[in-house]
């Protein structure tokens, strides 16, 4: 029974880690998309120029996100969760 509870706790911690990673990456991309769509609305442009301005704003950032080494910012998050999972794994091994 104890091992099942520890395995469940480990699964929950790992699921929370996956959600944090998805939220970090998703919110980073979402922020760029929102900024790219927000600033052209502040100028008196027709819809075509607004969309072109938005695309020209978002494209470099989205290309940067594909080339970005995500292991660096997510490594800090991984170390926090490894500190939480380590004791659970040791308790399962006993």
Protein backbone atom coordinates (compact mmCIF):
# COMPACT_ATOMS: atom_id res chain seq x y z
CA UNK A 1 0.00 0.00 0.00
CA UNK A 2 2.82 2.39 0.90
CA UNK A 3 4.63 1.78 -2.38
CA UNK A 4 1.45 2.40 -4.35
CA UNK A 5 0.97 5.72 -2.56
CA UNK A 6 4.60 6.70 -3.22
CA UNK A 7 4.26 5.79 -6.89
CA UNK A 8 1.08 7.84 -7.08
CA UNK A 9 2.83 10.79 -5.42
CA UNK A 10 5.71 10.49 -7.90
CA UNK A 11 3.26 10.39 -10.82
CA UNK A 12 1.48 13.50 -9.51
CA UNK A 13 4.78 15.40 -9.10
CA UNK A 14 5.85 14.41 -12.61
CA UNK A 15 2.47 15.48 -14.02
CA UNK A 16 2.77 18.86 -12.31
CA UNK A 17 6.27 19.23 -13.80
CA UNK A 18 4.89 18.51 -17.28
CA UNK A 19 2.17 21.11 -16.76
CA UNK A 20 4.70 23.71 -15.60
CA UNK A 21 6.90 23.09 -18.64
CA UNK A 22 3.94 23.30 -21.01
CA UNK A 23 2.75 26.48 -19.31
CA UNK A 24 6.18 28.11 -19.51
CA UNK A 25 6.67 27.36 -23.19
CA UNK A 26 3.04 28.04 -24.07
CA UNK A 27 2.91 31.38 -22.29
CA UNK A 28 6.17 32.46 -23.91
CA UNK A 29 4.77 31.82 -27.38
CA UNK A 30 1.37 33.27 -26.41
CA UNK A 31 2.98 36.51 -25.24
CA UNK A 32 4.72 36.98 -28.58
CA UNK A 33 1.52 36.24 -30.48
CA UNK A 34 -0.48 38.68 -28.39
CA UNK A 35 2.11 41.44 -28.77
CA UNK A 36 2.30 40.87 -32.51
CA UNK A 37 -1.45 41.20 -32.84
CA UNK A 38 -1.77 44.08 -30.36
CA UNK A 39 0.57 46.78 -31.64
CA UNK A 40 -0.73 47.08 -35.25
CA UNK A 41 -4.19 47.86 -33.89
CA UNK A 42 -2.84 51.07 -32.35
CA UNK A 43 -2.20 52.63 -35.76
CA UNK A 44 -4.65 53.69 -38.41
CA UNK A 45 -3.87 50.99 -40.97
CA UNK A 46 -6.09 48.87 -43.13
CA UNK A 47 -6.56 45.22 -42.20
CA UNK A 48 -4.00 43.93 -44.69
CA UNK A 49 -1.24 46.17 -43.35
CA UNK A 50 -2.16 45.22 -39.78
CA UNK A 51 -1.79 41.54 -40.59
CA UNK A 52 1.48 42.10 -42.43
CA UNK A 53 2.84 44.10 -39.49
CA UNK A 54 1.76 41.39 -37.08
CA UNK A 55 3.39 38.67 -39.18
CA UNK A 56 6.62 40.64 -39.52
CA UNK A 57 6.67 41.18 -35.76
CA UNK A 58 5.96 37.58 -34.79
CA UNK A 59 8.10 35.76 -37.34
CA UNK A 60 11.54 36.58 -35.89
CA UNK A 61 10.42 35.68 -32.36
CA UNK A 62 8.81 32.43 -33.41
CA UNK A 63 11.90 31.50 -35.42
CA UNK A 64 13.99 32.31 -32.36
CA UNK A 65 11.79 30.06 -30.22
CA UNK A 66 12.46 27.13 -32.55
CA UNK A 67 16.22 27.68 -32.28
CA UNK A 68 16.22 28.51 -28.58
CA UNK A 69 17.94 26.09 -26.22
CA UNK A 70 14.97 25.39 -23.95
CA UNK A 71 17.06 23.19 -21.68
CA UNK A 72 18.57 26.21 -19.97
CA UNK A 73 15.46 27.88 -18.58
CA UNK A 74 13.70 24.56 -18.05
CA UNK A 75 16.76 23.08 -16.33
CA UNK A 76 16.11 25.25 -13.29
CA UNK A 77 12.56 23.98 -13.16
CA UNK A 78 13.79 20.40 -13.55
CA UNK A 79 16.17 20.72 -10.61
CA UNK A 80 13.34 21.84 -8.34
CA UNK A 81 11.22 18.86 -9.32
CA UNK A 82 14.18 16.47 -9.06
CA UNK A 83 14.59 17.58 -5.45
CA UNK A 84 10.96 16.60 -4.90
CA UNK A 85 11.14 13.28 -6.75
CA UNK A 86 14.49 12.16 -5.28
CA UNK A 87 13.21 11.40 -1.76
CA UNK A 88 10.15 9.65 -3.19
CA UNK A 89 12.35 7.41 -5.36
CA UNK A 90 14.61 6.59 -2.40
CA UNK A 91 11.57 5.72 -0.29
CA UNK A 92 10.29 3.41 -3.05
CA UNK A 93 13.65 1.63 -3.26
CA UNK A 94 13.68 0.87 0.50
